């Protein structure tokens, strides 16, 4: 039997099991999908929305991130996952600089860990890279005629639904229906304007309903900006709490940065039998 240590972090309740040392984990250079499903199971495992593994960099960054959703599928990027990994790298002494570059399947992302706040948390700023917003498409008829729908990409795929109010939105029903509507799946966000901020409900591809989604917050802010509802600085209220999205134009591209907390929950030890390794 082999003991493998992992850490647990969350960003506004969007929680991840983080492995700073991949040695001993099943699957070799890519994590075994069955192992991910087991450890993310909230009744038969430790429970998490996903698993993040720190890998050796290949593109000149400080470290590479392998990201797996709770269903075992590989994901391109995650705003909350990046913040959690950045804080974990600093906590674990893997890196000593607060400013770091993490490679994702969507490209290199610069992260800056801020000053510590209580309860093992820190504010982390992540440069999320370019955001694209597609043409408007028909919204689900069940939502009503006041709703609008837009595909968006933050390096991973999103469908953003904008409407007048979230009170009657069943994001689980809508998410299950719309996640497979794009090849490879997509994240689904329902968004409503509230004052100078926007409220968000999210269904994440491969994880289901979550308390927060960093890339979904960026996609929602970009879509809301594209239709004139918000400006370049947007507070996005996730069920787990708020994040700030900063948007700016550069070289005819819309780019985004995401600012929000990452928090350490604790350390877990996995007991792996020979067949699991």
C-alpha atoms as a PDB file:
ATOM      1  CA  UNK A   1       0.000   0.000   0.000  1.00  0.00           C
ATOM      2  CA  UNK A   2       1.245   3.495  -0.916  1.00  0.00           C
ATOM      3  CA  UNK A   3       0.310   6.736   0.824  1.00  0.00           C
ATOM      4  CA  UNK A   4      -0.102   9.731  -1.477  1.00  0.00           C
ATOM      5  CA  UNK A   5      -0.561  13.212  -0.024  1.00  0.00           C
ATOM      6  CA  UNK A   6      -2.921  15.740  -1.580  1.00  0.00           C
ATOM      7  CA  UNK A   7      -4.075  19.156  -0.445  1.00  0.00           C
ATOM      8  CA  UNK A   8      -7.568  20.558  -0.533  1.00  0.00           C
ATOM      9  CA  UNK A   9      -8.255  24.166  -1.522  1.00  0.00           C
ATOM     10  CA  UNK A  10     -11.312  26.110  -2.591  1.00  0.00           C
ATOM     11  CA  UNK A  11     -12.191  29.312  -4.380  1.00  0.00           C
ATOM     12  CA  UNK A  12     -15.550  30.528  -3.052  1.00  0.00           C
ATOM     13  CA  UNK A  13     -16.623  26.927  -2.429  1.00  0.00           C
ATOM     14  CA  UNK A  14     -15.413  25.590  -5.795  1.00  0.00           C
ATOM     15  CA  UNK A  15     -13.118  22.948  -4.292  1.00  0.00           C
ATOM     16  CA  UNK A  16     -10.129  21.036  -5.631  1.00  0.00           C
ATOM     17  CA  UNK A  17      -7.791  18.300  -4.539  1.00  0.00           C
ATOM     18  CA  UNK A  18      -4.294  19.527  -5.380  1.00  0.00           C
ATOM     19  CA  UNK A  19      -1.217  17.340  -5.898  1.00  0.00           C
ATOM     20  CA  UNK A  20       2.063  19.260  -5.809  1.00  0.00           C
ATOM     21  CA  UNK A  21       4.043  16.052  -6.303  1.00  0.00           C
ATOM     22  CA  UNK A  22       2.537  13.751  -8.958  1.00  0.00           C
ATOM     23  CA  UNK A  23       4.830  10.829  -8.153  1.00  0.00           C
ATOM     24  CA  UNK A  24       2.803   7.893  -6.867  1.00  0.00           C
ATOM     25  CA  UNK A  25      -0.453   9.059  -8.414  1.00  0.00           C
ATOM     26  CA  UNK A  26      -2.075   6.561 -10.778  1.00  0.00           C
ATOM     27  CA  UNK A  27      -1.859   7.124 -14.496  1.00  0.00           C
ATOM     28  CA  UNK A  28       1.701   8.262 -15.138  1.00  0.00           C
ATOM     29  CA  UNK A  29       1.973  11.483 -17.154  1.00  0.00           C
ATOM     30  CA  UNK A  30      -1.812  11.886 -17.188  1.00  0.00           C
ATOM     31  CA  UNK A  31      -3.973  11.213 -14.155  1.00  0.00           C
ATOM     32  CA  UNK A  32      -6.198   8.130 -14.298  1.00  0.00           C
ATOM     33  CA  UNK A  33      -9.815   9.197 -14.884  1.00  0.00           C
ATOM     34  CA  UNK A  34     -11.244   6.467 -12.660  1.00  0.00           C
ATOM     35  CA  UNK A  35      -9.043   7.617  -9.793  1.00  0.00           C
ATOM     36  CA  UNK A  36     -10.311  11.179 -10.238  1.00  0.00           C
ATOM     37  CA  UNK A  37     -13.944  10.053 -10.158  1.00  0.00           C
ATOM     38  CA  UNK A  38     -13.292   8.073  -6.974  1.00  0.00           C
ATOM     39  CA  UNK A  39     -11.521  10.770  -4.965  1.00  0.00           C
ATOM     40  CA  UNK A  40     -13.960  13.487  -6.092  1.00  0.00           C
ATOM     41  CA  UNK A  41     -16.994  11.441  -5.058  1.00  0.00           C
ATOM     42  CA  UNK A  42     -18.556  13.182  -2.056  1.00  0.00           C
ATOM     43  CA  UNK A  43     -19.782   9.944  -0.505  1.00  0.00           C
ATOM     44  CA  UNK A  44     -17.169   7.369  -1.488  1.00  0.00           C
ATOM     45  CA  UNK A  45     -14.123   9.634  -1.722  1.00  0.00           C
ATOM     46  CA  UNK A  46     -12.862  12.889  -0.242  1.00  0.00           C
ATOM     47  CA  UNK A  47     -15.136  15.018  -2.400  1.00  0.00           C
ATOM     48  CA  UNK A  48     -14.178  17.800  -4.795  1.00  0.00           C
ATOM     49  CA  UNK A  49     -15.264  19.544  -7.979  1.00  0.00           C
ATOM     50  CA  UNK A  50     -11.978  18.568  -9.580  1.00  0.00           C
ATOM     51  CA  UNK A  51      -8.328  17.554  -9.227  1.00  0.00           C
ATOM     52  CA  UNK A  52      -5.338  19.774  -9.995  1.00  0.00           C
ATOM     53  CA  UNK A  53      -1.860  18.310 -10.501  1.00  0.00           C
ATOM     54  CA  UNK A  54       1.352  20.350 -10.699  1.00  0.00           C
ATOM     55  CA  UNK A  55       3.452  19.023 -13.581  1.00  0.00           C
ATOM     56  CA  UNK A  56       6.879  20.056 -14.918  1.00  0.00           C
ATOM     57  CA  UNK A  57       6.608  23.076 -17.252  1.00  0.00           C
ATOM     58  CA  UNK A  58       7.016  22.648 -21.014  1.00  0.00           C
ATOM     59  CA  UNK A  59       6.349  26.164 -22.317  1.00  0.00           C
ATOM     60  CA  UNK A  60       8.695  28.273 -20.209  1.00  0.00           C
ATOM     61  CA  UNK A  61       6.358  28.706 -17.248  1.00  0.00           C
ATOM     62  CA  UNK A  62       7.065  27.953 -13.609  1.00  0.00           C
ATOM     63  CA  UNK A  63       4.803  24.903 -13.514  1.00  0.00           C
ATOM     64  CA  UNK A  64       2.152  23.216 -15.659  1.00  0.00           C
ATOM     65  CA  UNK A  65      -1.383  22.510 -14.437  1.00  0.00           C
ATOM     66  CA  UNK A  66      -3.205  19.303 -15.258  1.00  0.00           C
ATOM     67  CA  UNK A  67      -6.866  19.885 -14.516  1.00  0.00           C
ATOM     68  CA  UNK A  68      -9.472  17.156 -14.238  1.00  0.00           C
ATOM     69  CA  UNK A  69     -13.163  17.676 -13.650  1.00  0.00           C
ATOM     70  CA  UNK A  70     -14.954  15.477 -11.160  1.00  0.00           C
ATOM     71  CA  UNK A  71     -16.058  13.128 -13.949  1.00  0.00           C
ATOM     72  CA  UNK A  72     -12.405  12.462 -14.805  1.00  0.00           C
ATOM     73  CA  UNK A  73     -12.424  14.506 -18.007  1.00  0.00           C
ATOM     74  CA  UNK A  74      -9.563  16.874 -18.738  1.00  0.00           C
ATOM     75  CA  UNK A  75     -10.361  20.601 -18.792  1.00  0.00           C
ATOM     76  CA  UNK A  76      -8.468  23.386 -20.511  1.00  0.00           C
ATOM     77  CA  UNK A  77      -8.428  25.945 -17.701  1.00  0.00           C
ATOM     78  CA  UNK A  78     -10.113  27.107 -14.497  1.00  0.00           C
ATOM     79  CA  UNK A  79      -9.987  30.498 -12.855  1.00  0.00           C
ATOM     80  CA  UNK A  80     -10.617  29.070  -9.400  1.00  0.00           C
ATOM     81  CA  UNK A  81      -8.305  26.109 -10.022  1.00  0.00           C
ATOM     82  CA  UNK A  82      -5.489  28.447 -11.051  1.00  0.00           C
ATOM     83  CA  UNK A  83      -5.931  30.557  -7.918  1.00  0.00           C
ATOM     84  CA  UNK A  84      -5.933  27.447  -5.727  1.00  0.00           C
ATOM     85  CA  UNK A  85      -2.838  26.009  -7.394  1.00  0.00           C
ATOM     86  CA  UNK A  86      -0.971  29.326  -7.155  1.00  0.00           C
ATOM     87  CA  UNK A  87      -1.615  29.547  -3.411  1.00  0.00           C
ATOM     88  CA  UNK A  88      -0.762  25.863  -2.921  1.00  0.00           C
ATOM     89  CA  UNK A  89       2.570  26.293  -4.732  1.00  0.00           C
ATOM     90  CA  UNK A  90       3.436  29.169  -2.418  1.00  0.00           C
ATOM     91  CA  UNK A  91       2.181  27.383   0.714  1.00  0.00           C
ATOM     92  CA  UNK A  92       4.131  24.245  -0.160  1.00  0.00           C
ATOM     93  CA  UNK A  93       7.371  26.071  -0.886  1.00  0.00           C
ATOM     94  CA  UNK A  94       7.444  24.821  -4.472  1.00  0.00           C
ATOM     95  CA  UNK A  95       7.705  28.479  -5.499  1.00  0.00           C
ATOM     96  CA  UNK A  96       8.747  31.403  -3.324  1.00  0.00           C
ATOM     97  CA  UNK A  97       7.710  34.258  -5.623  1.00  0.00           C
ATOM     98  CA  UNK A  98       4.181  35.590  -5.351  1.00  0.00           C
ATOM     99  CA  UNK A  99       4.233  36.326  -9.081  1.00  0.00           C
ATOM    100  CA  UNK A 100       4.266  33.135 -11.173  1.00  0.00           C
ATOM    101  CA  UNK A 101       3.323  31.736 -14.564  1.00  0.00           C
ATOM    102  CA  UNK A 102       1.268  28.547 -14.766  1.00  0.00           C
ATOM    103  CA  UNK A 103       0.867  26.632 -18.007  1.00  0.00           C
ATOM    104  CA  UNK A 104      -2.640  25.370 -18.807  1.00  0.00           C
ATOM    105  CA  UNK A 105      -4.089  23.518 -21.776  1.00  0.00           C
ATOM    106  CA  UNK A 106      -5.392  26.942 -22.871  1.00  0.00           C
ATOM    107  CA  UNK A 107      -1.991  28.642 -22.660  1.00  0.00           C
ATOM    108  CA  UNK A 108       0.221  30.318 -20.082  1.00  0.00           C
ATOM    109  CA  UNK A 109      -1.464  32.255 -17.301  1.00  0.00           C
ATOM    110  CA  UNK A 110       0.236  34.723 -14.976  1.00  0.00           C
ATOM    111  CA  UNK A 111      -0.873  34.593 -11.334  1.00  0.00           C
ATOM    112  CA  UNK A 112      -0.100  36.940  -8.466  1.00  0.00           C
ATOM    113  CA  UNK A 113      -0.768  35.870  -4.867  1.00  0.00           C
ATOM    114  CA  UNK A 114      -1.669  38.743  -2.567  1.00  0.00           C
ATOM    115  CA  UNK A 115      -1.372  39.226   1.158  1.00  0.00           C
ATOM    116  CA  UNK A 116      -2.748  36.555   3.443  1.00  0.00           C
ATOM    117  CA  UNK A 117      -6.120  37.067   5.068  1.00  0.00           C
ATOM    118  CA  UNK A 118      -7.668  34.971   7.904  1.00  0.00           C
ATOM    119  CA  UNK A 119      -8.654  31.308   7.596  1.00  0.00           C
ATOM    120  CA  UNK A 120      -5.790  30.265   5.316  1.00  0.00           C
ATOM    121  CA  UNK A 121      -6.952  32.441   2.423  1.00  0.00           C
ATOM    122  CA  UNK A 122      -5.307  34.925   0.082  1.00  0.00           C
ATOM    123  CA  UNK A 123      -6.507  37.116  -2.731  1.00  0.00           C
ATOM    124  CA  UNK A 124      -5.103  35.909  -6.059  1.00  0.00           C
ATOM    125  CA  UNK A 125      -5.093  37.751  -9.382  1.00  0.00           C
ATOM    126  CA  UNK A 126      -5.072  35.591 -12.527  1.00  0.00           C
ATOM    127  CA  UNK A 127      -4.561  36.868 -16.052  1.00  0.00           C
ATOM    128  CA  UNK A 128      -7.123  34.753 -17.892  1.00  0.00           C
ATOM    129  CA  UNK A 129      -6.033  35.626 -21.432  1.00  0.00           C
ATOM    130  CA  UNK A 130      -8.300  36.409 -24.402  1.00  0.00           C
ATOM    131  CA  UNK A 131     -12.071  36.059 -24.243  1.00  0.00           C
ATOM    132  CA  UNK A 132     -14.279  35.647 -27.293  1.00  0.00           C
ATOM    133  CA  UNK A 133     -18.022  36.213 -27.476  1.00  0.00           C
ATOM    134  CA  UNK A 134     -19.984  34.629 -30.288  1.00  0.00           C
ATOM    135  CA  UNK A 135     -23.113  35.785 -32.051  1.00  0.00           C
ATOM    136  CA  UNK A 136     -26.423  35.678 -30.228  1.00  0.00           C
ATOM    137  CA  UNK A 137     -28.307  32.399 -30.527  1.00  0.00           C
ATOM    138  CA  UNK A 138     -31.771  31.241 -29.461  1.00  0.00           C
ATOM    139  CA  UNK A 139     -32.198  30.902 -25.714  1.00  0.00           C
ATOM    140  CA  UNK A 140     -34.045  27.885 -24.273  1.00  0.00           C
ATOM    141  CA  UNK A 141     -37.764  28.481 -24.718  1.00  0.00           C
ATOM    142  CA  UNK A 142     -38.408  27.324 -21.137  1.00  0.00           C
ATOM    143  CA  UNK A 143     -36.697  30.473 -19.845  1.00  0.00           C
ATOM    144  CA  UNK A 144     -39.044  32.826 -21.672  1.00  0.00           C
ATOM    145  CA  UNK A 145     -38.699  35.464 -24.358  1.00  0.00           C
ATOM    146  CA  UNK A 146     -36.732  37.915 -22.193  1.00  0.00           C
ATOM    147  CA  UNK A 147     -33.641  35.704 -22.168  1.00  0.00           C
ATOM    148  CA  UNK A 148     -30.662  35.924 -24.540  1.00  0.00           C
ATOM    149  CA  UNK A 149     -27.926  33.336 -25.187  1.00  0.00           C
ATOM    150  CA  UNK A 150     -24.318  33.705 -26.290  1.00  0.00           C
ATOM    151  CA  UNK A 151     -21.495  31.225 -26.736  1.00  0.00           C
ATOM    152  CA  UNK A 152     -18.213  32.408 -25.245  1.00  0.00           C
ATOM    153  CA  UNK A 153     -14.703  31.069 -24.770  1.00  0.00           C
ATOM    154  CA  UNK A 154     -12.114  31.787 -22.103  1.00  0.00           C
ATOM    155  CA  UNK A 155      -9.919  28.983 -23.374  1.00  0.00           C
ATOM    156  CA  UNK A 156     -12.733  26.632 -22.353  1.00  0.00           C
ATOM    157  CA  UNK A 157     -16.307  26.648 -23.716  1.00  0.00           C
ATOM    158  CA  UNK A 158     -19.263  28.490 -22.165  1.00  0.00           C
ATOM    159  CA  UNK A 159     -22.886  29.208 -22.940  1.00  0.00           C
ATOM    160  CA  UNK A 160     -23.986  32.400 -21.177  1.00  0.00           C
ATOM    161  CA  UNK A 161     -27.715  33.028 -20.697  1.00  0.00           C
ATOM    162  CA  UNK A 162     -28.675  36.601 -19.766  1.00  0.00           C
ATOM    163  CA  UNK A 163     -32.079  37.377 -18.338  1.00  0.00           C
ATOM    164  CA  UNK A 164     -34.010  39.628 -15.977  1.00  0.00           C
ATOM    165  CA  UNK A 165     -33.887  37.517 -12.798  1.00  0.00           C
ATOM    166  CA  UNK A 166     -32.444  34.234 -11.514  1.00  0.00           C
ATOM    167  CA  UNK A 167     -35.188  33.443  -8.971  1.00  0.00           C
ATOM    168  CA  UNK A 168     -37.005  30.914 -11.159  1.00  0.00           C
ATOM    169  CA  UNK A 169     -33.957  29.478 -12.964  1.00  0.00           C
ATOM    170  CA  UNK A 170     -33.306  25.773 -12.408  1.00  0.00           C
ATOM    171  CA  UNK A 171     -29.635  25.727 -13.387  1.00  0.00           C
ATOM    172  CA  UNK A 172     -29.378  21.967 -12.835  1.00  0.00           C
ATOM    173  CA  UNK A 173     -32.139  21.187 -15.316  1.00  0.00           C
ATOM    174  CA  UNK A 174     -30.884  23.712 -17.853  1.00  0.00           C
ATOM    175  CA  UNK A 175     -27.257  22.709 -17.356  1.00  0.00           C
ATOM    176  CA  UNK A 176     -27.876  19.010 -17.870  1.00  0.00           C
ATOM    177  CA  UNK A 177     -29.785  19.779 -21.053  1.00  0.00           C
ATOM    178  CA  UNK A 178     -27.298  22.252 -22.531  1.00  0.00           C
ATOM    179  CA  UNK A 179     -23.911  20.884 -21.414  1.00  0.00           C
ATOM    180  CA  UNK A 180     -23.769  18.296 -24.251  1.00  0.00           C
ATOM    181  CA  UNK A 181     -25.110  20.724 -26.877  1.00  0.00           C
ATOM    182  CA  UNK A 182     -21.547  21.551 -27.938  1.00  0.00           C
ATOM    183  CA  UNK A 183     -19.055  18.863 -28.971  1.00  0.00           C
ATOM    184  CA  UNK A 184     -16.940  18.030 -25.929  1.00  0.00           C
ATOM    185  CA  UNK A 185     -19.435  19.698 -23.600  1.00  0.00           C
ATOM    186  CA  UNK A 186     -19.735  23.237 -22.299  1.00  0.00           C
ATOM    187  CA  UNK A 187     -20.192  25.173 -19.079  1.00  0.00           C
ATOM    188  CA  UNK A 188     -23.556  26.886 -18.703  1.00  0.00           C
ATOM    189  CA  UNK A 189     -24.049  30.198 -16.862  1.00  0.00           C
ATOM    190  CA  UNK A 190     -27.294  32.006 -16.095  1.00  0.00           C
ATOM    191  CA  UNK A 191     -26.726  35.720 -15.474  1.00  0.00           C
ATOM    192  CA  UNK A 192     -28.823  38.661 -14.310  1.00  0.00           C
ATOM    193  CA  UNK A 193     -27.850  42.277 -13.721  1.00  0.00           C
ATOM    194  CA  UNK A 194     -28.128  43.588 -10.168  1.00  0.00           C
ATOM    195  CA  UNK A 195     -27.183  47.224  -9.772  1.00  0.00           C
ATOM    196  CA  UNK A 196     -23.587  47.590 -10.934  1.00  0.00           C
ATOM    197  CA  UNK A 197     -22.800  43.883 -10.548  1.00  0.00           C
ATOM    198  CA  UNK A 198     -24.121  40.667 -12.044  1.00  0.00           C
ATOM    199  CA  UNK A 199     -25.451  37.561 -10.336  1.00  0.00           C
ATOM    200  CA  UNK A 200     -24.456  34.160 -11.663  1.00  0.00           C
ATOM    201  CA  UNK A 201     -25.594  30.556 -11.407  1.00  0.00           C
ATOM    202  CA  UNK A 202     -23.337  27.961 -12.969  1.00  0.00           C
ATOM    203  CA  UNK A 203     -23.406  24.402 -14.216  1.00  0.00           C
ATOM    204  CA  UNK A 204     -19.857  23.209 -14.869  1.00  0.00           C
ATOM    205  CA  UNK A 205     -19.022  20.666 -17.523  1.00  0.00           C
ATOM    206  CA  UNK A 206     -18.038  17.426 -15.818  1.00  0.00           C
ATOM    207  CA  UNK A 207     -18.806  18.688 -12.303  1.00  0.00           C
ATOM    208  CA  UNK A 208     -22.436  19.851 -12.266  1.00  0.00           C
ATOM    209  CA  UNK A 209     -23.741  22.722 -10.186  1.00  0.00           C
ATOM    210  CA  UNK A 210     -20.929  24.413  -8.292  1.00  0.00           C
ATOM    211  CA  UNK A 211     -20.647  27.259  -5.803  1.00  0.00           C
ATOM    212  CA  UNK A 212     -18.461  29.312  -8.126  1.00  0.00           C
ATOM    213  CA  UNK A 213     -16.756  29.280 -11.506  1.00  0.00           C
ATOM    214  CA  UNK A 214     -13.865  31.613 -12.277  1.00  0.00           C
ATOM    215  CA  UNK A 215     -13.800  31.142 -16.031  1.00  0.00           C
ATOM    216  CA  UNK A 216     -17.608  31.275 -16.045  1.00  0.00           C
ATOM    217  CA  UNK A 217     -17.482  34.601 -14.215  1.00  0.00           C
ATOM    218  CA  UNK A 218     -15.114  35.918 -16.885  1.00  0.00           C
ATOM    219  CA  UNK A 219     -17.329  34.630 -19.711  1.00  0.00           C
ATOM    220  CA  UNK A 220     -20.429  36.139 -18.091  1.00  0.00           C
ATOM    221  CA  UNK A 221     -18.750  39.510 -17.584  1.00  0.00           C
ATOM    222  CA  UNK A 222     -17.503  39.559 -21.185  1.00  0.00           C
ATOM    223  CA  UNK A 223     -20.948  38.772 -22.575  1.00  0.00           C
ATOM    224  CA  UNK A 224     -22.618  41.348 -20.322  1.00  0.00           C
ATOM    225  CA  UNK A 225     -20.079  43.937 -21.497  1.00  0.00           C
ATOM    226  CA  UNK A 226     -20.659  43.032 -25.142  1.00  0.00           C
ATOM    227  CA  UNK A 227     -24.375  43.872 -24.839  1.00  0.00           C
ATOM    228  CA  UNK A 228     -23.725  47.083 -22.922  1.00  0.00           C
ATOM    229  CA  UNK A 229     -24.833  46.054 -19.441  1.00  0.00           C
ATOM    230  CA  UNK A 230     -21.496  46.557 -17.663  1.00  0.00           C
ATOM    231  CA  UNK A 231     -18.150  48.264 -18.116  1.00  0.00           C
ATOM    232  CA  UNK A 232     -14.562  47.091 -17.858  1.00  0.00           C
ATOM    233  CA  UNK A 233     -14.607  46.274 -14.126  1.00  0.00           C
ATOM    234  CA  UNK A 234     -17.339  43.824 -13.164  1.00  0.00           C
ATOM    235  CA  UNK A 235     -18.258  42.304  -9.817  1.00  0.00           C
ATOM    236  CA  UNK A 236     -19.703  38.854 -10.387  1.00  0.00           C
ATOM    237  CA  UNK A 237     -21.681  37.434  -7.489  1.00  0.00           C
ATOM    238  CA  UNK A 238     -21.342  33.640  -7.498  1.00  0.00           C
ATOM    239  CA  UNK A 239     -23.407  31.555  -5.049  1.00  0.00           C
ATOM    240  CA  UNK A 240     -20.205  31.171  -3.001  1.00  0.00           C
ATOM    241  CA  UNK A 241     -19.295  34.867  -3.072  1.00  0.00           C
ATOM    242  CA  UNK A 242     -18.000  37.650  -5.321  1.00  0.00           C
ATOM    243  CA  UNK A 243     -15.075  37.881  -7.725  1.00  0.00           C
ATOM    244  CA  UNK A 244     -13.887  40.866  -9.733  1.00  0.00           C
ATOM    245  CA  UNK A 245     -13.365  40.592 -13.490  1.00  0.00           C
ATOM    246  CA  UNK A 246     -11.184  43.181 -15.226  1.00  0.00           C
ATOM    247  CA  UNK A 247     -11.654  43.489 -18.997  1.00  0.00           C
ATOM    248  CA  UNK A 248      -9.564  45.446 -21.505  1.00  0.00           C
ATOM    249  CA  UNK A 249      -8.962  45.619 -25.229  1.00  0.00           C
ATOM    250  CA  UNK A 250      -5.491  44.856 -26.562  1.00  0.00           C
ATOM    251  CA  UNK A 251      -4.553  44.376 -30.201  1.00  0.00           C
ATOM    252  CA  UNK A 252      -8.245  44.075 -31.132  1.00  0.00           C
ATOM    253  CA  UNK A 253      -8.726  41.273 -28.587  1.00  0.00           C
ATOM    254  CA  UNK A 254     -10.714  41.347 -25.369  1.00  0.00           C
ATOM    255  CA  UNK A 255      -8.536  40.149 -22.489  1.00  0.00           C
ATOM    256  CA  UNK A 256      -9.512  39.438 -18.896  1.00  0.00           C
ATOM    257  CA  UNK A 257      -8.065  39.192 -15.428  1.00  0.00           C
ATOM    258  CA  UNK A 258      -9.814  37.567 -12.486  1.00  0.00           C
ATOM    259  CA  UNK A 259      -9.414  38.633  -8.858  1.00  0.00           C
ATOM    260  CA  UNK A 260     -10.735  36.596  -5.944  1.00  0.00           C
ATOM    261  CA  UNK A 261      -9.854  34.450  -2.932  1.00  0.00           C
ATOM    262  CA  UNK A 262      -8.265  31.029  -2.681  1.00  0.00           C
ATOM    263  CA  UNK A 263      -8.349  29.172   0.627  1.00  0.00           C
ATOM    264  CA  UNK A 264      -6.541  26.184   2.056  1.00  0.00           C
ATOM    265  CA  UNK A 265      -8.803  23.574   3.644  1.00  0.00           C
ATOM    266  CA  UNK A 266      -6.250  20.962   4.684  1.00  0.00           C
ATOM    267  CA  UNK A 267      -4.158  17.927   3.786  1.00  0.00           C
ATOM    268  CA  UNK A 268      -5.416  14.444   2.986  1.00  0.00           C
ATOM    269  CA  UNK A 269      -3.612  11.124   2.572  1.00  0.00           C
ATOM    270  CA  UNK A 270      -4.768   8.608   0.014  1.00  0.00           C
ATOM    271  CA  UNK A 271      -4.137   4.904   0.551  1.00  0.00           C
ATOM    272  CA  UNK A 272      -3.468   3.365  -2.853  1.00  0.00           C
ATOM    273  CA  UNK A 273      -3.421  -0.371  -3.402  1.00  0.00           C
ATOM    274  CA  UNK A 274      -1.045  -1.764  -5.978  1.00  0.00           C
ATOM    275  CA  UNK A 275      -3.770  -2.029  -8.627  1.00  0.00           C
ATOM    276  CA  UNK A 276      -4.621   1.663  -8.232  1.00  0.00           C
ATOM    277  CA  UNK A 277      -1.102   2.936  -8.943  1.00  0.00           C
END
